[in-house]
Amino acid sequence: MDAKALLRSALQKAHVAVLADQEKNNAAALEAYTEALLLLDQVLISVDRDEDKMRIQQIVSAFILTCIGTLFLQCCM
């Protein structure tokens, strides 16, 4: 799969995660966010331009800090 297709899949998974999060289905949201992050990791590997890698890394960092961190605290604390 090329980088654009991987990114598209990651965004679709992130959308599923947001919907699950809105429904307070924390387990499904956490799973979908995790899958989105795994896809974004694949995008990072396949992208050559440093500028693109930096933008994707910023997205990953935002995911981890906001979405997954919050869900982890809700699920596990």
C-alpha atoms as a PDB file:
ATOM      1  CA  MET A   1       0.000   0.000   0.000  1.00  0.00           C
ATOM      2  CA  ASP A   2       1.373   3.446  -0.844  1.00  0.00           C
ATOM      3  CA  ALA A   3       1.668   6.309   1.640  1.00  0.00           C
ATOM      4  CA  LYS A   4      -1.538   8.022   0.499  1.00  0.00           C
ATOM      5  CA  ALA A   5      -3.583   4.851   0.875  1.00  0.00           C
ATOM      6  CA  LEU A   6      -2.054   4.191   4.300  1.00  0.00           C
ATOM      7  CA  LEU A   7      -2.814   7.745   5.378  1.00  0.00           C
ATOM      8  CA  ARG A   8      -6.384   7.434   4.108  1.00  0.00           C
ATOM      9  CA  SER A   9      -6.814   4.209   6.101  1.00  0.00           C
ATOM     10  CA  ALA A  10      -5.351   5.836   9.205  1.00  0.00           C
ATOM     11  CA  LEU A  11      -7.767   8.748   8.914  1.00  0.00           C
ATOM     12  CA  GLN A  12     -10.695   6.357   8.507  1.00  0.00           C
ATOM     13  CA  LYS A  13      -9.619   4.475  11.639  1.00  0.00           C
ATOM     14  CA  ALA A  14      -9.266   7.764  13.505  1.00  0.00           C
ATOM     15  CA  HIS A  15     -12.806   8.687  12.466  1.00  0.00           C
ATOM     16  CA  VAL A  16     -14.091   5.354  13.779  1.00  0.00           C
ATOM     17  CA  ALA A  17     -12.221   6.037  17.017  1.00  0.00           C
ATOM     18  CA  VAL A  18     -13.798   9.474  17.395  1.00  0.00           C
ATOM     19  CA  LEU A  19     -17.271   8.032  16.859  1.00  0.00           C
ATOM     20  CA  ALA A  20     -16.632   5.304  19.433  1.00  0.00           C
ATOM     21  CA  ASP A  21     -15.233   7.902  21.826  1.00  0.00           C
ATOM     22  CA  GLN A  22     -18.355  10.045  21.432  1.00  0.00           C
ATOM     23  CA  GLU A  23     -20.469   7.006  22.277  1.00  0.00           C
ATOM     24  CA  LYS A  24     -18.325   6.448  25.393  1.00  0.00           C
ATOM     25  CA  ASN A  25     -17.184   3.094  24.007  1.00  0.00           C
ATOM     26  CA  ASN A  26     -13.677   3.485  25.388  1.00  0.00           C
ATOM     27  CA  ALA A  27     -12.415   0.026  24.485  1.00  0.00           C
ATOM     28  CA  ALA A  28     -13.434   0.358  20.822  1.00  0.00           C
ATOM     29  CA  ALA A  29     -12.066   3.900  20.656  1.00  0.00           C
ATOM     30  CA  LEU A  30      -8.734   2.864  22.129  1.00  0.00           C
ATOM     31  CA  GLU A  31      -8.484  -0.042  19.692  1.00  0.00           C
ATOM     32  CA  ALA A  32      -9.272   2.165  16.682  1.00  0.00           C
ATOM     33  CA  TYR A  33      -6.845   4.897  17.801  1.00  0.00           C
ATOM     34  CA  THR A  34      -4.147   2.257  18.233  1.00  0.00           C
ATOM     35  CA  GLU A  35      -4.805   0.883  14.746  1.00  0.00           C
ATOM     36  CA  ALA A  36      -4.659   4.414  13.328  1.00  0.00           C
ATOM     37  CA  LEU A  37      -1.302   4.962  15.013  1.00  0.00           C
ATOM     38  CA  LEU A  38       0.069   1.707  13.625  1.00  0.00           C
ATOM     39  CA  LEU A  39      -0.963   2.808  10.147  1.00  0.00           C
ATOM     40  CA  LEU A  40       0.649   6.208  10.691  1.00  0.00           C
ATOM     41  CA  ASP A  41       3.865   4.430  11.683  1.00  0.00           C
ATOM     42  CA  GLN A  42       3.765   2.650   8.327  1.00  0.00           C
ATOM     43  CA  VAL A  43       3.252   6.005   6.616  1.00  0.00           C
ATOM     44  CA  LEU A  44       6.317   7.378   8.405  1.00  0.00           C
ATOM     45  CA  ILE A  45       8.387   4.477   7.114  1.00  0.00           C
ATOM     46  CA  SER A  46       7.196   4.927   3.535  1.00  0.00           C
ATOM     47  CA  VAL A  47       7.530   8.729   3.296  1.00  0.00           C
ATOM     48  CA  ASP A  48      10.817  10.154   2.065  1.00  0.00           C
ATOM     49  CA  ARG A  49      10.463  13.888   2.604  1.00  0.00           C
ATOM     50  CA  ASP A  50      11.520  15.132   6.031  1.00  0.00           C
ATOM     51  CA  GLU A  51       8.813  17.803   5.938  1.00  0.00           C
ATOM     52  CA  ASP A  52       6.111  15.160   5.478  1.00  0.00           C
ATOM     53  CA  LYS A  53       7.583  12.976   8.212  1.00  0.00           C
ATOM     54  CA  MET A  54       7.578  15.909  10.608  1.00  0.00           C
ATOM     55  CA  ARG A  55       3.896  16.674   9.922  1.00  0.00           C
ATOM     56  CA  ILE A  56       2.912  13.045  10.402  1.00  0.00           C
ATOM     57  CA  GLN A  57       4.944  12.838  13.610  1.00  0.00           C
ATOM     58  CA  GLN A  58       3.060  15.885  14.907  1.00  0.00           C
ATOM     59  CA  ILE A  59      -0.227  14.088  14.220  1.00  0.00           C
ATOM     60  CA  VAL A  60       1.029  11.003  16.050  1.00  0.00           C
ATOM     61  CA  SER A  61       2.116  13.097  19.029  1.00  0.00           C
ATOM     62  CA  ALA A  62      -1.262  14.832  19.189  1.00  0.00           C
ATOM     63  CA  PHE A  63      -3.035  11.457  19.071  1.00  0.00           C
ATOM     64  CA  ILE A  64      -0.948  10.095  21.892  1.00  0.00           C
ATOM     65  CA  LEU A  65      -1.252  13.148  24.104  1.00  0.00           C
ATOM     66  CA  THR A  66      -4.930  13.878  23.659  1.00  0.00           C
ATOM     67  CA  CYS A  67      -6.905  10.884  22.525  1.00  0.00           C
ATOM     68  CA  ILE A  68      -5.089   7.815  23.707  1.00  0.00           C
ATOM     69  CA  GLY A  69      -3.805   9.377  26.914  1.00  0.00           C
ATOM     70  CA  THR A  70      -7.288  10.456  27.938  1.00  0.00           C
ATOM     71  CA  LEU A  71      -8.836   7.113  27.041  1.00  0.00           C
ATOM     72  CA  PHE A  72      -6.126   5.214  28.868  1.00  0.00           C
ATOM     73  CA  LEU A  73      -6.811   7.205  32.008  1.00  0.00           C
ATOM     74  CA  GLN A  74     -10.560   6.613  31.679  1.00  0.00           C
ATOM     75  CA  CYS A  75     -10.159   2.882  31.087  1.00  0.00           C
ATOM     76  CA  CYS A  76      -7.381   2.035  33.452  1.00  0.00           C
ATOM     77  CA  MET A  77      -7.524   4.403  36.401  1.00  0.00           C
END
